[in-house]
């Protein structure tokens, strides 16, 4: 689960199985990490080390300035994603 910036509306939820599809490198470009999520996944793919299923959830943000409060849309999306992840974990 991470913040994404794809141009969609703030609070939009993106769900993808990274073991089956390439994660666009610009999708997680708002990361403050030196090595992004997409790059780490593609390295795992190149090394043949991805799990059978690798679900990613991205929540579309609109303000990525340090210290800024999350929008109401992003907070609601976080709650929805958390509920979905809990359902997935409890059903496996």
PDB file of N, CA and C in Angstrom:
ATOM      1  N   UNK A   1       0.865  -1.164   0.000  1.00  0.00           N
ATOM      2  CA  UNK A   1       0.000   0.000   0.000  1.00  0.00           C
ATOM      3  C   UNK A   1       0.908   1.222   0.000  1.00  0.00           C
ATOM      4  N   UNK A   2       0.640   2.118  -0.959  1.00  0.00           N
ATOM      5  CA  UNK A   2       1.458   3.325  -1.034  1.00  0.00           C
ATOM      6  C   UNK A   2       0.650   4.422  -1.703  1.00  0.00           C
ATOM      7  N   UNK A   3       1.130   5.624  -1.583  1.00  0.00           N
ATOM      8  CA  UNK A   3       0.526   6.748  -2.294  1.00  0.00           C
ATOM      9  C   UNK A   3       0.952   6.683  -3.753  1.00  0.00           C
ATOM     10  N   UNK A   4       0.045   7.080  -4.640  1.00  0.00           N
ATOM     11  CA  UNK A   4       0.367   7.101  -6.062  1.00  0.00           C
ATOM     12  C   UNK A   4      -0.019   8.446  -6.658  1.00  0.00           C
ATOM     13  N   UNK A   5       0.577   8.714  -7.796  1.00  0.00           N
ATOM     14  CA  UNK A   5       0.276   9.932  -8.532  1.00  0.00           C
ATOM     15  C   UNK A   5       0.163   9.571 -10.001  1.00  0.00           C
ATOM     16  N   UNK A   6      -1.078   9.346 -10.448  1.00  0.00           N
ATOM     17  CA  UNK A   6      -1.288   8.959 -11.847  1.00  0.00           C
ATOM     18  C   UNK A   6      -2.167   9.949 -12.595  1.00  0.00           C
ATOM     19  N   UNK A   7      -2.650  10.955 -11.887  1.00  0.00           N
ATOM     20  CA  UNK A   7      -3.540  11.917 -12.507  1.00  0.00           C
ATOM     21  C   UNK A   7      -5.007  11.651 -12.239  1.00  0.00           C
ATOM     22  N   UNK A   8      -5.325  10.547 -11.575  1.00  0.00           N
ATOM     23  CA  UNK A   8      -6.715  10.236 -11.224  1.00  0.00           C
ATOM     24  C   UNK A   8      -7.154  11.138 -10.067  1.00  0.00           C
ATOM     25  N   UNK A   9      -8.421  11.100  -9.754  1.00  0.00           N
ATOM     26  CA  UNK A   9      -8.966  11.917  -8.664  1.00  0.00           C
ATOM     27  C   UNK A   9      -8.375  11.505  -7.321  1.00  0.00           C
ATOM     28  N   UNK A  10      -8.184  12.484  -6.451  1.00  0.00           N
ATOM     29  CA  UNK A  10      -7.676  12.227  -5.111  1.00  0.00           C
ATOM     30  C   UNK A  10      -8.573  11.221  -4.399  1.00  0.00           C
ATOM     31  N   UNK A  11      -7.958  10.225  -3.784  1.00  0.00           N
ATOM     32  CA  UNK A  11      -8.702   9.184  -3.083  1.00  0.00           C
ATOM     33  C   UNK A  11      -9.034   7.983  -3.946  1.00  0.00           C
ATOM     34  N   UNK A  12      -8.736   8.053  -5.249  1.00  0.00           N
ATOM     35  CA  UNK A  12      -8.964   6.886  -6.114  1.00  0.00           C
ATOM     36  C   UNK A  12      -8.088   5.739  -5.643  1.00  0.00           C
ATOM     37  N   UNK A  13      -8.627   4.538  -5.710  1.00  0.00           N
ATOM     38  CA  UNK A  13      -7.891   3.349  -5.283  1.00  0.00           C
ATOM     39  C   UNK A  13      -7.494   2.554  -6.515  1.00  0.00           C
ATOM     40  N   UNK A  14      -6.219   2.224  -6.607  1.00  0.00           N
ATOM     41  CA  UNK A  14      -5.696   1.407  -7.695  1.00  0.00           C
ATOM     42  C   UNK A  14      -5.286   0.068  -7.098  1.00  0.00           C
ATOM     43  N   UNK A  15      -5.700  -1.015  -7.729  1.00  0.00           N
ATOM     44  CA  UNK A  15      -5.357  -2.361  -7.257  1.00  0.00           C
ATOM     45  C   UNK A  15      -4.785  -3.121  -8.436  1.00  0.00           C
ATOM     46  N   UNK A  16      -3.631  -3.730  -8.249  1.00  0.00           N
ATOM     47  CA  UNK A  16      -3.040  -4.513  -9.333  1.00  0.00           C
ATOM     48  C   UNK A  16      -2.268  -5.690  -8.774  1.00  0.00           C
ATOM     49  N   UNK A  17      -2.166  -6.729  -9.576  1.00  0.00           N
ATOM     50  CA  UNK A  17      -1.347  -7.890  -9.224  1.00  0.00           C
ATOM     51  C   UNK A  17      -0.019  -7.722  -9.950  1.00  0.00           C
ATOM     52  N   UNK A  18       0.984  -7.292  -9.215  1.00  0.00           N
ATOM     53  CA  UNK A  18       2.283  -6.995  -9.807  1.00  0.00           C
ATOM     54  C   UNK A  18       3.006  -8.240 -10.301  1.00  0.00           C
ATOM     55  N   UNK A  19       2.549  -9.421  -9.912  1.00  0.00           N
ATOM     56  CA  UNK A  19       3.174 -10.636 -10.433  1.00  0.00           C
ATOM     57  C   UNK A  19       2.702 -10.911 -11.854  1.00  0.00           C
ATOM     58  N   UNK A  20       1.612 -10.264 -12.265  1.00  0.00           N
ATOM     59  CA  UNK A  20       1.052 -10.499 -13.602  1.00  0.00           C
ATOM     60  C   UNK A  20       1.171  -9.299 -14.531  1.00  0.00           C
ATOM     61  N   UNK A  21       1.419  -8.124 -13.987  1.00  0.00           N
ATOM     62  CA  UNK A  21       1.506  -6.933 -14.827  1.00  0.00           C
ATOM     63  C   UNK A  21       2.647  -6.038 -14.354  1.00  0.00           C
ATOM     64  N   UNK A  22       3.211  -5.320 -15.292  1.00  0.00           N
ATOM     65  CA  UNK A  22       4.313  -4.416 -14.981  1.00  0.00           C
ATOM     66  C   UNK A  22       3.751  -3.183 -14.279  1.00  0.00           C
ATOM     67  N   UNK A  23       4.406  -2.785 -13.223  1.00  0.00           N
ATOM     68  CA  UNK A  23       4.002  -1.593 -12.483  1.00  0.00           C
ATOM     69  C   UNK A  23       4.700  -0.391 -13.114  1.00  0.00           C
ATOM     70  N   UNK A  24       3.946   0.576 -13.616  1.00  0.00           N
ATOM     71  CA  UNK A  24       4.588   1.747 -14.222  1.00  0.00           C
ATOM     72  C   UNK A  24       5.479   2.467 -13.212  1.00  0.00           C
ATOM     73  N   UNK A  25       6.704   2.773 -13.592  1.00  0.00           N
ATOM     74  CA  UNK A  25       7.643   3.388 -12.650  1.00  0.00           C
ATOM     75  C   UNK A  25       7.176   4.758 -12.190  1.00  0.00           C
ATOM     76  N   UNK A  26       6.443   5.472 -13.008  1.00  0.00           N
ATOM     77  CA  UNK A  26       5.963   6.795 -12.600  1.00  0.00           C
ATOM     78  C   UNK A  26       4.755   6.709 -11.677  1.00  0.00           C
ATOM     79  N   UNK A  27       4.153   5.527 -11.576  1.00  0.00           N
ATOM     80  CA  UNK A  27       2.959   5.348 -10.755  1.00  0.00           C
ATOM     81  C   UNK A  27       3.244   5.669  -9.296  1.00  0.00           C
ATOM     82  N   UNK A  28       4.376   5.231  -8.790  1.00  0.00           N
ATOM     83  CA  UNK A  28       4.760   5.463  -7.402  1.00  0.00           C
ATOM     84  C   UNK A  28       5.849   6.524  -7.307  1.00  0.00           C
ATOM     85  N   UNK A  29       5.830   7.481  -8.214  1.00  0.00           N
ATOM     86  CA  UNK A  29       6.892   8.482  -8.272  1.00  0.00           C
ATOM     87  C   UNK A  29       6.875   9.452  -7.103  1.00  0.00           C
ATOM     88  N   UNK A  30       5.811   9.453  -6.328  1.00  0.00           N
ATOM     89  CA  UNK A  30       5.735  10.381  -5.199  1.00  0.00           C
ATOM     90  C   UNK A  30       6.492   9.857  -3.982  1.00  0.00           C
ATOM     91  N   UNK A  31       7.106   8.699  -4.106  1.00  0.00           N
ATOM     92  CA  UNK A  31       7.822   8.096  -2.989  1.00  0.00           C
ATOM     93  C   UNK A  31       9.015   8.947  -2.577  1.00  0.00           C
ATOM     94  N   UNK A  32       9.309   8.957  -1.287  1.00  0.00           N
ATOM     95  CA  UNK A  32      10.485   9.664  -0.788  1.00  0.00           C
ATOM     96  C   UNK A  32      11.678   8.723  -0.675  1.00  0.00           C
ATOM     97  N   UNK A  33      11.503   7.483  -1.103  1.00  0.00           N
ATOM     98  CA  UNK A  33      12.564   6.495  -1.022  1.00  0.00           C
ATOM     99  C   UNK A  33      13.473   6.625  -2.244  1.00  0.00           C
ATOM    100  N   UNK A  34      14.736   6.260  -2.094  1.00  0.00           N
ATOM    101  CA  UNK A  34      15.659   6.324  -3.224  1.00  0.00           C
ATOM    102  C   UNK A  34      15.371   5.246  -4.256  1.00  0.00           C
ATOM    103  N   UNK A  35      14.836   4.135  -3.835  1.00  0.00           N
ATOM    104  CA  UNK A  35      14.558   2.994  -4.707  1.00  0.00           C
ATOM    105  C   UNK A  35      13.067   2.756  -4.627  1.00  0.00           C
ATOM    106  N   UNK A  36      12.358   2.971  -5.725  1.00  0.00           N
ATOM    107  CA  UNK A  36      10.909   2.936  -5.705  1.00  0.00           C
ATOM    108  C   UNK A  36      10.311   1.544  -5.689  1.00  0.00           C
ATOM    109  N   UNK A  37       9.020   1.503  -5.414  1.00  0.00           N
ATOM    110  CA  UNK A  37       8.262   0.255  -5.372  1.00  0.00           C
ATOM    111  C   UNK A  37       8.337  -0.464  -6.716  1.00  0.00           C
ATOM    112  N   UNK A  38       8.081   0.270  -7.795  1.00  0.00           N
ATOM    113  CA  UNK A  38       8.082  -0.344  -9.128  1.00  0.00           C
ATOM    114  C   UNK A  38       9.448  -0.935  -9.462  1.00  0.00           C
ATOM    115  N   UNK A  39      10.505  -0.224  -9.130  1.00  0.00           N
ATOM    116  CA  UNK A  39      11.857  -0.715  -9.412  1.00  0.00           C
ATOM    117  C   UNK A  39      12.177  -1.973  -8.608  1.00  0.00           C
ATOM    118  N   UNK A  40      11.764  -1.999  -7.358  1.00  0.00           N
ATOM    119  CA  UNK A  40      12.006  -3.181  -6.525  1.00  0.00           C
ATOM    120  C   UNK A  40      11.267  -4.397  -7.075  1.00  0.00           C
ATOM    121  N   UNK A  41      10.032  -4.193  -7.511  1.00  0.00           N
ATOM    122  CA  UNK A  41       9.253  -5.303  -8.067  1.00  0.00           C
ATOM    123  C   UNK A  41       9.876  -5.798  -9.358  1.00  0.00           C
ATOM    124  N   UNK A  42      10.285  -4.888 -10.214  1.00  0.00           N
ATOM    125  CA  UNK A  42      10.887  -5.303 -11.483  1.00  0.00           C
ATOM    126  C   UNK A  42      12.229  -6.000 -11.266  1.00  0.00           C
ATOM    127  N   UNK A  43      12.971  -5.614 -10.235  1.00  0.00           N
ATOM    128  CA  UNK A  43      14.211  -6.328  -9.919  1.00  0.00           C
ATOM    129  C   UNK A  43      13.880  -7.757  -9.489  1.00  0.00           C
ATOM    130  N   UNK A  44      12.864  -7.909  -8.651  1.00  0.00           N
ATOM    131  CA  UNK A  44      12.428  -9.248  -8.242  1.00  0.00           C
ATOM    132  C   UNK A  44      11.987 -10.081  -9.425  1.00  0.00           C
ATOM    133  N   UNK A  45      11.276  -9.450 -10.371  1.00  0.00           N
ATOM    134  CA  UNK A  45      10.832 -10.162 -11.574  1.00  0.00           C
ATOM    135  C   UNK A  45      12.042 -10.620 -12.393  1.00  0.00           C
ATOM    136  N   UNK A  46      13.019  -9.727 -12.569  1.00  0.00           N
ATOM    137  CA  UNK A  46      14.220 -10.056 -13.343  1.00  0.00           C
ATOM    138  C   UNK A  46      15.009 -11.195 -12.702  1.00  0.00           C
ATOM    139  N   UNK A  47      14.977 -11.265 -11.387  1.00  0.00           N
ATOM    140  CA  UNK A  47      15.697 -12.318 -10.664  1.00  0.00           C
ATOM    141  C   UNK A  47      14.863 -13.581 -10.475  1.00  0.00           C
ATOM    142  N   UNK A  48      13.623 -13.557 -10.974  1.00  0.00           N
ATOM    143  CA  UNK A  48      12.740 -14.713 -10.818  1.00  0.00           C
ATOM    144  C   UNK A  48      12.310 -14.937  -9.383  1.00  0.00           C
ATOM    145  N   UNK A  49      12.196 -13.869  -8.617  1.00  0.00           N
ATOM    146  CA  UNK A  49      11.915 -14.000  -7.187  1.00  0.00           C
ATOM    147  C   UNK A  49      10.575 -13.411  -6.753  1.00  0.00           C
ATOM    148  N   UNK A  50       9.669 -13.163  -7.697  1.00  0.00           N
ATOM    149  CA  UNK A  50       8.357 -12.648  -7.305  1.00  0.00           C
ATOM    150  C   UNK A  50       7.475 -13.781  -6.794  1.00  0.00           C
ATOM    151  N   UNK A  51       6.634 -13.488  -5.830  1.00  0.00           N
ATOM    152  CA  UNK A  51       5.681 -14.510  -5.381  1.00  0.00           C
ATOM    153  C   UNK A  51       4.638 -14.769  -6.465  1.00  0.00           C
ATOM    154  N   UNK A  52       3.883 -15.823  -6.305  1.00  0.00           N
ATOM    155  CA  UNK A  52       2.838 -16.193  -7.266  1.00  0.00           C
ATOM    156  C   UNK A  52       1.821 -15.066  -7.418  1.00  0.00           C
ATOM    157  N   UNK A  53       1.520 -14.393  -6.326  1.00  0.00           N
ATOM    158  CA  UNK A  53       0.592 -13.263  -6.343  1.00  0.00           C
ATOM    159  C   UNK A  53       1.185 -12.135  -5.507  1.00  0.00           C
ATOM    160  N   UNK A  54       1.153 -10.931  -6.048  1.00  0.00           N
ATOM    161  CA  UNK A  54       1.699  -9.765  -5.351  1.00  0.00           C
ATOM    162  C   UNK A  54       0.747  -8.594  -5.579  1.00  0.00           C
ATOM    163  N   UNK A  55      -0.162  -8.412  -4.647  1.00  0.00           N
ATOM    164  CA  UNK A  55      -1.160  -7.356  -4.785  1.00  0.00           C
ATOM    165  C   UNK A  55      -0.607  -6.029  -4.293  1.00  0.00           C
ATOM    166  N   UNK A  56      -0.805  -5.018  -5.107  1.00  0.00           N
ATOM    167  CA  UNK A  56      -0.432  -3.655  -4.748  1.00  0.00           C
ATOM    168  C   UNK A  56      -1.688  -2.812  -4.674  1.00  0.00           C
ATOM    169  N   UNK A  57      -1.739  -1.971  -3.691  1.00  0.00           N
ATOM    170  CA  UNK A  57      -2.817  -1.001  -3.584  1.00  0.00           C
ATOM    171  C   UNK A  57      -2.179   0.376  -3.600  1.00  0.00           C
ATOM    172  N   UNK A  58      -2.647   1.211  -4.481  1.00  0.00           N
ATOM    173  CA  UNK A  58      -2.191   2.591  -4.537  1.00  0.00           C
ATOM    174  C   UNK A  58      -3.360   3.512  -4.258  1.00  0.00           C
ATOM    175  N   UNK A  59      -3.136   4.488  -3.430  1.00  0.00           N
ATOM    176  CA  UNK A  59      -4.168   5.481  -3.134  1.00  0.00           C
ATOM    177  C   UNK A  59      -3.705   6.804  -3.728  1.00  0.00           C
ATOM    178  N   UNK A  60      -4.527   7.322  -4.608  1.00  0.00           N
ATOM    179  CA  UNK A  60      -4.199   8.556  -5.314  1.00  0.00           C
ATOM    180  C   UNK A  60      -4.199   9.733  -4.350  1.00  0.00           C
ATOM    181  N   UNK A  61      -3.083  10.419  -4.315  1.00  0.00           N
ATOM    182  CA  UNK A  61      -2.971  11.614  -3.485  1.00  0.00           C
ATOM    183  C   UNK A  61      -3.067  12.873  -4.333  1.00  0.00           C
ATOM    184  N   UNK A  62      -3.056  14.014  -3.670  1.00  0.00           N
ATOM    185  CA  UNK A  62      -3.047  15.266  -4.415  1.00  0.00           C
ATOM    186  C   UNK A  62      -2.061  16.268  -3.845  1.00  0.00           C
ATOM    187  N   UNK A  63      -1.553  16.015  -2.646  1.00  0.00           N
ATOM    188  CA  UNK A  63      -0.578  16.913  -2.043  1.00  0.00           C
ATOM    189  C   UNK A  63       0.487  16.057  -1.372  1.00  0.00           C
ATOM    190  N   UNK A  64       1.699  16.153  -1.876  1.00  0.00           N
ATOM    191  CA  UNK A  64       2.773  15.296  -1.376  1.00  0.00           C
ATOM    192  C   UNK A  64       3.834  16.088  -0.613  1.00  0.00           C
ATOM    193  N   UNK A  65       3.464  17.248  -0.127  1.00  0.00           N
ATOM    194  CA  UNK A  65       4.398  18.062   0.636  1.00  0.00           C
ATOM    195  C   UNK A  65       4.558  17.479   2.039  1.00  0.00           C
ATOM    196  N   UNK A  66       5.786  17.395   2.537  1.00  0.00           N
ATOM    197  CA  UNK A  66       6.005  16.862   3.883  1.00  0.00           C
ATOM    198  C   UNK A  66       5.221  17.663   4.926  1.00  0.00           C
ATOM    199  N   UNK A  67       4.598  16.944   5.841  1.00  0.00           N
ATOM    200  CA  UNK A  67       3.887  17.570   6.941  1.00  0.00           C
ATOM    201  C   UNK A  67       2.460  17.976   6.644  1.00  0.00           C
ATOM    202  N   UNK A  68       2.020  17.828   5.411  1.00  0.00           N
ATOM    203  CA  UNK A  68       0.651  18.207   5.058  1.00  0.00           C
ATOM    204  C   UNK A  68      -0.335  17.131   5.499  1.00  0.00           C
ATOM    205  N   UNK A  69      -1.520  17.545   5.898  1.00  0.00           N
ATOM    206  CA  UNK A  69      -2.576  16.628   6.309  1.00  0.00           C
ATOM    207  C   UNK A  69      -3.157  15.933   5.076  1.00  0.00           C
ATOM    208  N   UNK A  70      -3.552  14.671   5.260  1.00  0.00           N
ATOM    209  CA  UNK A  70      -4.213  13.948   4.173  1.00  0.00           C
ATOM    210  C   UNK A  70      -5.597  14.528   3.940  1.00  0.00           C
ATOM    211  N   UNK A  71      -6.033  14.474   2.697  1.00  0.00           N
ATOM    212  CA  UNK A  71      -7.387  14.933   2.381  1.00  0.00           C
ATOM    213  C   UNK A  71      -8.401  13.923   2.910  1.00  0.00           C
ATOM    214  N   UNK A  72      -9.635  14.370   3.046  1.00  0.00           N
ATOM    215  CA  UNK A  72     -10.706  13.476   3.498  1.00  0.00           C
ATOM    216  C   UNK A  72     -10.875  12.303   2.540  1.00  0.00           C
ATOM    217  N   UNK A  73     -10.720  12.558   1.234  1.00  0.00           N
ATOM    218  CA  UNK A  73     -10.859  11.493   0.231  1.00  0.00           C
ATOM    219  C   UNK A  73      -9.794  10.415   0.424  1.00  0.00           C
ATOM    220  N   UNK A  74      -8.578  10.838   0.714  1.00  0.00           N
ATOM    221  CA  UNK A  74      -7.486   9.882   0.923  1.00  0.00           C
ATOM    222  C   UNK A  74      -7.716   9.094   2.211  1.00  0.00           C
ATOM    223  N   UNK A  75      -8.163   9.759   3.251  1.00  0.00           N
ATOM    224  CA  UNK A  75      -8.442   9.048   4.508  1.00  0.00           C
ATOM    225  C   UNK A  75      -9.532   8.001   4.322  1.00  0.00           C
ATOM    226  N   UNK A  76     -10.599   8.346   3.589  1.00  0.00           N
ATOM    227  CA  UNK A  76     -11.670   7.366   3.320  1.00  0.00           C
ATOM    228  C   UNK A  76     -11.129   6.195   2.504  1.00  0.00           C
ATOM    229  N   UNK A  77     -10.305   6.500   1.515  1.00  0.00           N
ATOM    230  CA  UNK A  77      -9.731   5.438   0.685  1.00  0.00           C
ATOM    231  C   UNK A  77      -8.851   4.521   1.525  1.00  0.00           C
ATOM    232  N   UNK A  78      -8.088   5.087   2.459  1.00  0.00           N
ATOM    233  CA  UNK A  78      -7.246   4.262   3.334  1.00  0.00           C
ATOM    234  C   UNK A  78      -8.090   3.281   4.130  1.00  0.00           C
ATOM    235  N   UNK A  79      -9.221   3.737   4.637  1.00  0.00           N
ATOM    236  CA  UNK A  79     -10.109   2.856   5.397  1.00  0.00           C
ATOM    237  C   UNK A  79     -10.638   1.724   4.518  1.00  0.00           C
ATOM    238  N   UNK A  80     -11.025   2.046   3.287  1.00  0.00           N
ATOM    239  CA  UNK A  80     -11.529   1.018   2.368  1.00  0.00           C
ATOM    240  C   UNK A  80     -10.453  -0.008   2.027  1.00  0.00           C
ATOM    241  N   UNK A  81      -9.240   0.466   1.767  1.00  0.00           N
ATOM    242  CA  UNK A  81      -8.143  -0.447   1.441  1.00  0.00           C
ATOM    243  C   UNK A  81      -7.817  -1.320   2.647  1.00  0.00           C
ATOM    244  N   UNK A  82      -7.793  -0.742   3.829  1.00  0.00           N
ATOM    245  CA  UNK A  82      -7.516  -1.527   5.038  1.00  0.00           C
ATOM    246  C   UNK A  82      -8.557  -2.626   5.219  1.00  0.00           C
ATOM    247  N   UNK A  83      -9.824  -2.299   4.993  1.00  0.00           N
ATOM    248  CA  UNK A  83     -10.883  -3.312   5.093  1.00  0.00           C
ATOM    249  C   UNK A  83     -10.678  -4.425   4.069  1.00  0.00           C
ATOM    250  N   UNK A  84     -10.334  -4.054   2.836  1.00  0.00           N
ATOM    251  CA  UNK A  84     -10.131  -5.074   1.802  1.00  0.00           C
ATOM    252  C   UNK A  84      -8.944  -5.971   2.128  1.00  0.00           C
ATOM    253  N   UNK A  85      -7.864  -5.379   2.614  1.00  0.00           N
ATOM    254  CA  UNK A  85      -6.682  -6.171   2.976  1.00  0.00           C
ATOM    255  C   UNK A  85      -7.025  -7.127   4.117  1.00  0.00           C
ATOM    256  N   UNK A  86      -7.751  -6.662   5.111  1.00  0.00           N
ATOM    257  CA  UNK A  86      -8.156  -7.544   6.216  1.00  0.00           C
ATOM    258  C   UNK A  86      -9.013  -8.701   5.716  1.00  0.00           C
ATOM    259  N   UNK A  87      -9.922  -8.434   4.783  1.00  0.00           N
ATOM    260  CA  UNK A  87     -10.742  -9.503   4.202  1.00  0.00           C
ATOM    261  C   UNK A  87      -9.877 -10.500   3.441  1.00  0.00           C
ATOM    262  N   UNK A  88      -8.917  -9.992   2.673  1.00  0.00           N
ATOM    263  CA  UNK A  88      -8.035 -10.883   1.912  1.00  0.00           C
ATOM    264  C   UNK A  88      -7.210 -11.769   2.837  1.00  0.00           C
ATOM    265  N   UNK A  89      -6.677 -11.184   3.889  1.00  0.00           N
ATOM    266  CA  UNK A  89      -5.839 -11.936   4.824  1.00  0.00           C
ATOM    267  C   UNK A  89      -6.663 -12.972   5.581  1.00  0.00           C
ATOM    268  N   UNK A  90      -7.855 -12.599   6.003  1.00  0.00           N
ATOM    269  CA  UNK A  90      -8.669 -13.537   6.779  1.00  0.00           C
ATOM    270  C   UNK A  90      -9.242 -14.664   5.926  1.00  0.00           C
ATOM    271  N   UNK A  91      -9.337 -14.461   4.620  1.00  0.00           N
ATOM    272  CA  UNK A  91      -9.881 -15.512   3.750  1.00  0.00           C
ATOM    273  C   UNK A  91      -8.806 -16.437   3.192  1.00  0.00           C
ATOM    274  N   UNK A  92      -7.548 -16.141   3.463  1.00  0.00           N
ATOM    275  CA  UNK A  92      -6.481 -17.003   2.917  1.00  0.00           C
ATOM    276  C   UNK A  92      -5.960 -17.983   3.931  1.00  0.00           C
TER     277      UNK A  92
END
